[in-house]
Amino acid sequence: SSGVGVFGEGGSGGDGSIGDAGCATAVAKATKSPVYLEFILDGSGSMGQNNKWVAATAALNAVFATVQAAKDPGEGIGLMAFSDSNDPTGSNGPYPDGADVPINFVGASQVAALGARLSGLPGGDTPTGAAMQGAYAYLEGFAPQTPLPPGGQKVLVLITDGVPTHQGDLCVNGGTAACAALAAAELAKMSPRGPILTFVIGTGVFPSTSLGNYDPTFLGAVAQAGGTGPTGCNPSENSNAANLCYFNIDPTAGSSAQTQQAFEDAINAIRGQVLSCTFPLEATDAGAIDPTKVHVTVNGQTVPKDPVNGWSYDNPSNPTSITLNGTSCTSVKNDPTASVNIVLGCATCTTAGTCQQ
């Protein structure tokens, strides 16, 4: 995650002026709040149609490579897949199985493991409920290992092209309502087991008068119950793509490369929503934090206290964290190695361009 500078009396604030002014009087240490992403990939037989499997696996591998290049210990990734040729259970579960990849820091060994898990071919039916139950149980008990820090947001991302079909599956026996209730229950779990956000990426023709095994209502209900439907979305939407609660990818709308790009865009949009711009503040031996004397820089550039394109407190009278907003947040998400410095003792600036101390 982004490094947070540590400063004492007369220390440098990262922009060359804080230390010179001698206003830094205390030390604040903070690290960006982490996120743990668990992907579930549908490997059922229908994913072999219209290049869905090829595009989805290529997109995932491309995203994994991007995360590896960022070297961000604040983003852990794991992967489950069901019903593909690498599924040793033959669609029967339980999941995760021995082939699946636990969440970890995305270094070279993790990328290799993730890529190997994606090397199979689609086949079999769709035990979505069993996969979700297994992933939720795994996430509930997940304890990050160094260099992943603790206390992060848990996220499940389901990528599928259809409705559950496996005999005896929770989401077959109980239908859409059962799967949605499962997602809602995990969203309501308290720390450290939860809460767990559930995103859904559905790949199928939408809208269509012959959806077949592609059910937007199922996908929308799970995403909405999992806390990730956009404001005003309709979980039962079957005609207007603008109202969907999940990410829809039409595998017939373009080439395999275009479908792959659509998957990448959806995955990165999800990452953008969950990657944190919040930095906890920890009081030091210098005493309580004076909220009128906190100075923030990103990559050496002073950031004003501004809820639109600057930073803000969680609680202005008794702050425990700061959150970067707007373009400040975007710049940090786009550059996981960005240097975020928090200096105590220097007057808080509220107007961009006039913040040098």
Protein backbone atom coordinates (compact mmCIF):
# COMPACT_ATOMS: atom_id res chain seq x y z
CA SER A 1 0.00 0.00 0.00
CA SER A 2 1.02 3.60 -0.25
CA GLY A 3 3.73 4.55 2.20
CA VAL A 4 2.96 7.13 4.85
CA GLY A 5 5.81 9.37 5.92
CA VAL A 6 6.95 9.55 9.51
CA PHE A 7 8.19 12.92 10.75
CA GLY A 8 9.43 14.51 13.93
CA GLU A 9 10.46 18.00 14.89
CA GLY A 10 11.82 19.75 11.82
CA GLY A 11 11.41 16.65 9.62
CA SER A 12 10.78 16.85 5.90
CA GLY A 13 7.15 16.78 4.86
CA GLY A 14 7.84 15.54 1.36
CA ASP A 15 7.31 18.85 -0.45
CA GLY A 16 10.49 20.53 0.77
CA SER A 17 8.68 23.17 2.76
CA ILE A 18 7.14 21.51 5.79
CA GLY A 19 10.42 20.66 7.48
CA ASP A 20 11.96 23.99 6.52
CA ALA A 21 9.17 25.78 8.32
CA GLY A 22 9.78 23.68 11.42
CA CYS A 23 6.08 23.22 12.03
CA ALA A 24 6.11 19.42 12.23
CA THR A 25 5.88 18.58 15.92
CA ALA A 26 4.47 15.08 16.06
CA VAL A 27 4.63 11.74 14.27
CA ALA A 28 1.76 9.98 12.52
CA LYS A 29 2.03 6.50 11.10
CA ALA A 30 -0.68 5.10 8.86
CA THR A 31 -1.12 2.54 6.10
CA LYS A 32 -3.80 2.31 3.46
CA SER A 33 -6.67 0.02 4.41
CA PRO A 34 -6.23 -3.27 2.50
CA VAL A 35 -8.68 -5.28 0.40
CA TYR A 36 -8.94 -9.04 -0.14
CA LEU A 37 -10.51 -10.14 -3.45
CA GLU A 38 -11.77 -13.69 -3.95
CA PHE A 39 -12.77 -14.44 -7.56
CA ILE A 40 -15.16 -17.27 -8.47
CA LEU A 41 -15.02 -18.22 -12.15
CA ASP A 42 -17.77 -20.31 -13.74
CA GLY A 43 -16.13 -23.10 -15.74
CA SER A 44 -19.33 -24.83 -16.85
CA GLY A 45 -19.71 -26.11 -20.39
CA SER A 46 -21.61 -23.10 -21.69
CA MET A 47 -18.62 -20.86 -20.89
CA GLY A 48 -16.95 -22.49 -23.87
CA GLN A 49 -19.40 -20.77 -26.21
CA ASN A 50 -18.77 -17.40 -27.89
CA ASN A 51 -15.21 -17.22 -26.50
CA LYS A 52 -16.50 -16.49 -23.00
CA TRP A 53 -13.95 -18.69 -21.23
CA VAL A 54 -11.05 -17.56 -23.41
CA ALA A 55 -11.88 -13.89 -22.89
CA ALA A 56 -12.55 -14.20 -19.15
CA THR A 57 -9.36 -16.13 -18.38
CA ALA A 58 -7.24 -13.80 -20.53
CA ALA A 59 -8.76 -10.79 -18.77
CA LEU A 60 -8.08 -12.22 -15.33
CA ASN A 61 -4.48 -13.02 -16.25
CA ALA A 62 -4.02 -9.47 -17.57
CA VAL A 63 -5.41 -7.96 -14.36
CA PHE A 64 -3.24 -10.23 -12.22
CA ALA A 65 -0.17 -9.04 -14.15
CA THR A 66 -1.20 -5.42 -13.57
CA VAL A 67 -1.57 -6.00 -9.83
CA GLN A 68 1.80 -7.77 -9.72
CA ALA A 69 3.49 -4.82 -11.43
CA ALA A 70 2.00 -2.42 -8.86
CA LYS A 71 3.62 -4.37 -5.98
CA ASP A 72 0.83 -3.21 -3.70
CA PRO A 73 0.69 -5.23 -0.44
CA GLY A 74 -2.70 -3.67 0.21
CA GLU A 75 -4.41 -5.80 -2.47
CA GLY A 76 -4.64 -9.56 -2.02
CA ILE A 77 -6.20 -11.86 -4.65
CA GLY A 78 -7.39 -15.47 -4.61
CA LEU A 79 -9.22 -17.62 -7.16
CA MET A 80 -11.78 -20.41 -7.20
CA ALA A 81 -13.16 -22.02 -10.35
CA PHE A 82 -15.79 -24.70 -10.73
CA SER A 83 -16.63 -27.35 -13.32
CA ASP A 84 -13.62 -26.76 -15.58
CA SER A 85 -11.18 -29.55 -16.43
CA ASN A 86 -8.96 -28.55 -13.49
CA ASP A 87 -11.80 -29.00 -10.97
CA PRO A 88 -10.88 -32.24 -9.16
CA THR A 89 -14.40 -32.55 -7.72
CA GLY A 90 -16.16 -32.84 -11.08
CA SER A 91 -18.59 -30.03 -10.19
CA ASN A 92 -19.51 -31.76 -6.92
CA GLY A 93 -17.50 -29.60 -4.52
CA PRO A 94 -16.94 -28.83 -1.77
CA TYR A 95 -15.18 -25.60 -2.63
CA PRO A 96 -12.54 -24.31 -2.44
CA ASP A 97 -10.89 -27.51 -3.68
CA GLY A 98 -7.26 -28.51 -3.87
CA ALA A 99 -6.72 -26.75 -7.19
CA ASP A 100 -7.99 -23.36 -6.05
CA VAL A 101 -5.63 -20.55 -5.09
CA PRO A 102 -5.83 -18.95 -1.61
CA ILE A 103 -5.73 -15.17 -1.28
CA ASN A 104 -2.22 -13.81 -1.08
CA PHE A 105 -0.01 -10.90 -2.03
CA VAL A 106 0.20 -10.84 -5.83
CA GLY A 107 3.87 -11.54 -6.46
CA ALA A 108 5.44 -13.78 -9.11
CA SER A 109 4.56 -17.06 -7.36
CA GLN A 110 0.95 -16.00 -6.83
CA VAL A 111 0.57 -14.96 -10.47
CA ALA A 112 1.99 -18.31 -11.56
CA ALA A 113 -0.48 -20.17 -9.32
CA LEU A 114 -3.42 -18.08 -10.53
CA GLY A 115 -2.43 -18.64 -14.17
CA ALA A 116 -2.15 -22.39 -13.64
CA ARG A 117 -5.65 -22.46 -12.15
CA LEU A 118 -6.97 -20.77 -15.31
CA SER A 119 -5.30 -23.25 -17.67
CA GLY A 120 -8.20 -25.69 -17.87
CA LEU A 121 -11.14 -25.95 -20.24
CA PRO A 122 -14.83 -25.42 -19.47
CA GLY A 123 -17.15 -28.36 -18.91
CA GLY A 124 -19.79 -29.68 -16.52
CA ASP A 125 -22.77 -28.00 -14.93
CA THR A 126 -23.14 -25.02 -12.59
CA PRO A 127 -22.84 -25.49 -8.79
CA THR A 128 -22.93 -21.74 -8.10
CA GLY A 129 -24.42 -22.03 -4.65
CA ALA A 130 -21.83 -24.52 -3.44
CA ALA A 131 -19.03 -22.32 -4.80
CA MET A 132 -20.44 -19.23 -3.11
CA GLN A 133 -20.93 -21.05 0.20
CA GLY A 134 -17.34 -22.28 0.08
CA ALA A 135 -15.94 -18.89 -0.85
CA TYR A 136 -17.86 -17.13 1.90
CA ALA A 137 -16.71 -19.64 4.52
CA TYR A 138 -13.14 -19.20 3.33
CA LEU A 139 -13.36 -15.40 3.42
CA GLU A 140 -14.94 -15.42 6.87
CA GLY A 141 -11.93 -17.27 8.27
CA PHE A 142 -9.30 -15.59 6.11
CA ALA A 143 -6.25 -14.36 8.04
CA PRO A 144 -3.80 -12.43 5.85
CA GLN A 145 -0.15 -13.35 5.81
CA THR A 146 2.71 -10.86 5.52
CA PRO A 147 3.05 -8.65 3.53
CA LEU A 148 -0.77 -8.37 3.39
CA PRO A 149 -1.85 -6.25 6.39
CA PRO A 150 -4.85 -7.25 8.54
CA GLY A 151 -8.20 -5.54 8.85
CA GLY A 152 -9.08 -5.29 5.16
CA GLN A 153 -12.33 -5.31 3.20
CA LYS A 154 -13.41 -8.79 2.07
CA VAL A 155 -14.82 -9.00 -1.46
CA LEU A 156 -16.27 -11.85 -3.52
CA VAL A 157 -16.46 -11.45 -7.31
CA LEU A 158 -18.65 -13.99 -9.15
CA ILE A 159 -18.08 -14.34 -12.90
CA THR A 160 -20.75 -16.50 -14.55
CA ASP A 161 -22.83 -16.94 -17.70
CA GLY A 162 -25.85 -18.67 -16.28
CA VAL A 163 -28.03 -19.81 -13.44
CA PRO A 164 -27.16 -22.67 -11.07
CA THR A 165 -27.98 -26.11 -12.48
CA HIS A 166 -26.20 -28.66 -10.28
CA GLN A 167 -28.61 -31.11 -8.63
CA GLY A 168 -28.98 -30.41 -4.94
CA ASP A 169 -27.27 -27.03 -5.13
CA LEU A 170 -28.51 -24.40 -2.66
CA CYS A 171 -29.36 -22.02 -5.49
CA VAL A 172 -31.21 -24.73 -7.40
CA ASN A 173 -33.28 -25.99 -4.50
CA GLY A 174 -33.93 -22.55 -3.05
CA GLY A 175 -33.81 -20.58 -6.29
CA THR A 176 -32.72 -16.98 -6.69
CA ALA A 177 -34.03 -16.03 -3.26
CA ALA A 178 -31.72 -18.50 -1.53
CA CYS A 179 -28.58 -17.25 -3.27
CA ALA A 180 -29.56 -13.61 -2.66
CA ALA A 181 -30.22 -14.35 1.01
CA LEU A 182 -26.78 -15.95 1.26
CA ALA A 183 -25.12 -12.81 -0.14
CA ALA A 184 -27.17 -10.58 2.16
CA ALA A 185 -26.21 -12.62 5.21
CA GLU A 186 -22.50 -12.29 4.41
CA LEU A 187 -22.85 -8.53 3.91
CA ALA A 188 -24.34 -8.33 7.40
CA LYS A 189 -21.54 -10.28 9.11
CA MET A 190 -19.54 -8.29 11.64
CA SER A 191 -15.76 -8.01 11.75
CA PRO A 192 -13.58 -10.03 11.62
CA ARG A 193 -15.77 -12.51 9.69
CA GLY A 194 -17.30 -9.82 7.51
CA PRO A 195 -18.80 -7.78 6.09
CA ILE A 196 -18.28 -9.40 2.68
CA LEU A 197 -19.23 -7.47 -0.45
CA THR A 198 -20.46 -9.50 -3.45
CA PHE A 199 -19.99 -8.27 -7.02
CA VAL A 200 -21.36 -10.10 -10.06
CA ILE A 201 -20.07 -10.08 -13.64
CA GLY A 202 -22.56 -11.77 -15.92
CA THR A 203 -21.74 -12.68 -19.51
CA GLY A 204 -24.67 -13.20 -21.86
CA VAL A 205 -26.78 -11.47 -24.47
CA PHE A 206 -28.80 -8.65 -22.93
CA PRO A 207 -31.53 -7.79 -23.55
CA SER A 208 -32.85 -10.84 -25.34
CA THR A 209 -36.20 -12.49 -25.92
CA SER A 210 -34.56 -15.92 -25.61
CA LEU A 211 -32.20 -15.65 -22.67
CA GLY A 212 -32.14 -19.40 -22.13
CA ASN A 213 -29.88 -20.16 -19.20
CA TYR A 214 -28.87 -16.52 -18.79
CA ASP A 215 -30.98 -14.98 -16.03
CA PRO A 216 -30.46 -11.26 -15.31
CA THR A 217 -32.83 -11.45 -12.35
CA PHE A 218 -30.63 -14.01 -10.61
CA LEU A 219 -27.48 -11.98 -11.26
CA GLY A 220 -29.07 -8.70 -10.23
CA ALA A 221 -30.58 -10.09 -7.05
CA VAL A 222 -27.27 -11.52 -5.85
CA ALA A 223 -25.34 -8.30 -6.59
CA GLN A 224 -27.98 -6.11 -4.93
CA ALA A 225 -28.16 -8.34 -1.86
CA GLY A 226 -24.38 -8.37 -1.72
CA GLY A 227 -24.27 -4.60 -1.32
CA THR A 228 -22.80 -3.66 -4.70
CA GLY A 229 -25.75 -2.64 -6.85
CA PRO A 230 -25.48 0.99 -8.00
CA THR A 231 -27.91 3.46 -6.46
CA GLY A 232 -31.29 3.14 -8.18
CA CYS A 233 -30.52 -0.14 -9.95
CA ASN A 234 -33.29 -2.68 -10.50
CA PRO A 235 -32.38 -6.27 -9.56
CA SER A 236 -35.26 -7.53 -11.71
CA GLU A 237 -34.26 -5.49 -14.79
CA ASN A 238 -34.49 -7.46 -18.05
CA SER A 239 -34.60 -4.81 -20.74
CA ASN A 240 -32.62 -1.65 -19.87
CA ALA A 241 -28.88 -2.22 -19.34
CA ALA A 242 -28.53 1.16 -17.63
CA ASN A 243 -30.58 -0.14 -14.69
CA LEU A 244 -28.63 -3.36 -14.04
CA CYS A 245 -27.26 -4.09 -10.57
CA TYR A 246 -24.38 -6.19 -11.96
CA PHE A 247 -21.79 -5.89 -14.74
CA ASN A 248 -23.11 -7.31 -18.01
CA ILE A 249 -20.79 -8.45 -20.81
CA ASP A 250 -22.29 -9.47 -24.16
CA PRO A 251 -19.92 -12.04 -25.70
CA THR A 252 -21.54 -11.61 -29.11
CA ALA A 253 -21.05 -7.82 -29.29
CA GLY A 254 -17.53 -7.93 -30.72
CA SER A 255 -14.36 -9.93 -31.19
CA SER A 256 -12.81 -12.14 -28.52
CA ALA A 257 -10.29 -9.35 -27.85
CA GLN A 258 -13.13 -6.86 -27.35
CA THR A 259 -14.89 -9.26 -24.98
CA GLN A 260 -11.65 -9.70 -23.06
CA GLN A 261 -11.32 -5.94 -22.76
CA ALA A 262 -14.89 -5.71 -21.48
CA PHE A 263 -14.05 -8.26 -18.77
CA GLU A 264 -10.90 -6.33 -17.85
CA ASP A 265 -12.86 -3.08 -17.66
CA ALA A 266 -15.45 -4.67 -15.36
CA ILE A 267 -12.85 -6.23 -13.07
CA ASN A 268 -10.90 -2.98 -12.86
CA ALA A 269 -14.10 -1.04 -12.17
CA ILE A 270 -14.71 -3.35 -9.21
CA ARG A 271 -11.13 -2.90 -8.02
CA GLY A 272 -11.59 0.85 -8.30
CA GLN A 273 -14.64 0.70 -6.08
CA VAL A 274 -13.04 -1.35 -3.32
CA LEU A 275 -9.41 -0.22 -3.31
CA SER A 276 -9.10 2.06 -0.33
CA CYS A 277 -8.29 5.75 -0.14
CA THR A 278 -8.60 5.71 3.65
CA PHE A 279 -5.55 6.07 5.88
CA PRO A 280 -6.01 5.42 9.61
CA LEU A 281 -4.40 7.92 11.95
CA GLU A 282 -2.61 6.60 15.00
CA ALA A 283 -1.92 8.86 17.96
CA THR A 284 1.70 8.81 19.08
CA ASP A 285 3.56 9.61 22.24
CA ALA A 286 3.13 13.24 21.22
CA GLY A 287 -0.45 12.97 22.43
CA ALA A 288 -3.85 13.47 20.82
CA ILE A 289 -4.12 14.64 17.22
CA ASP A 290 -5.10 18.29 16.73
CA PRO A 291 -7.49 18.16 13.73
CA THR A 292 -6.58 21.76 12.84
CA LYS A 293 -2.92 20.84 12.41
CA VAL A 294 -2.79 17.93 9.98
CA HIS A 295 -1.01 18.43 6.68
CA VAL A 296 -1.29 15.94 3.78
CA THR A 297 0.81 15.52 0.64
CA VAL A 298 0.57 13.03 -2.23
CA ASN A 299 3.80 12.49 -4.16
CA GLY A 300 5.16 15.71 -2.67
CA GLN A 301 2.16 17.80 -3.71
CA THR A 302 0.15 19.39 -0.93
CA VAL A 303 -3.49 18.29 -0.82
CA PRO A 304 -6.10 20.63 0.68
CA LYS A 305 -8.75 19.49 3.13
CA ASP A 306 -11.63 19.29 0.66
CA PRO A 307 -14.46 16.70 0.46
CA VAL A 308 -14.52 16.95 -3.35
CA ASN A 309 -10.92 16.76 -4.56
CA GLY A 310 -8.83 16.75 -1.41
CA TRP A 311 -9.11 14.87 1.86
CA SER A 312 -11.51 14.66 4.78
CA TYR A 313 -11.76 13.22 8.29
CA ASP A 314 -14.02 10.38 9.37
CA ASN A 315 -14.88 12.47 12.43
CA PRO A 316 -13.78 16.14 12.27
CA SER A 317 -13.82 16.63 16.05
CA ASN A 318 -12.08 13.36 16.92
CA PRO A 319 -10.48 11.98 13.75
CA THR A 320 -9.24 8.41 13.52
CA SER A 321 -8.58 8.39 9.76
CA ILE A 322 -8.35 10.57 6.68
CA THR A 323 -9.87 9.72 3.29
CA LEU A 324 -8.63 11.07 -0.02
CA ASN A 325 -11.46 12.27 -2.25
CA GLY A 326 -12.00 12.79 -5.97
CA THR A 327 -8.86 13.31 -8.04
CA SER A 328 -6.65 12.81 -4.98
CA CYS A 329 -8.09 9.35 -4.46
CA THR A 330 -7.88 8.53 -8.17
CA SER A 331 -4.22 9.43 -8.32
CA VAL A 332 -3.42 7.07 -5.44
CA LYS A 333 -5.49 4.22 -6.91
CA ASN A 334 -3.75 4.64 -10.25
CA ASP A 335 -0.35 4.64 -8.55
CA PRO A 336 -0.22 2.15 -5.67
CA THR A 337 3.37 3.22 -4.95
CA ALA A 338 2.31 6.83 -4.41
CA SER A 339 3.88 8.50 -1.39
CA VAL A 340 1.21 9.81 0.98
CA ASN A 341 2.63 11.90 3.79
CA ILE A 342 0.68 12.91 6.89
CA VAL A 343 2.41 15.53 9.03
CA LEU A 344 1.13 16.59 12.44
CA GLY A 345 1.71 20.08 13.75
CA CYS A 346 1.38 21.98 10.48
CA ALA A 347 -1.77 24.02 9.95
CA THR A 348 -4.42 22.27 7.95
CA CYS A 349 -4.85 23.86 4.53
CA THR A 350 -8.29 24.19 2.95
CA THR A 351 -7.49 26.02 -0.30
CA ALA A 352 -5.63 24.39 -3.15
CA GLY A 353 -2.60 26.33 -4.36
CA THR A 354 -2.02 28.15 -1.08
CA CYS A 355 -1.08 25.21 1.13
CA GLN A 356 2.69 25.54 1.33
CA GLN A 357 3.73 26.12 4.91
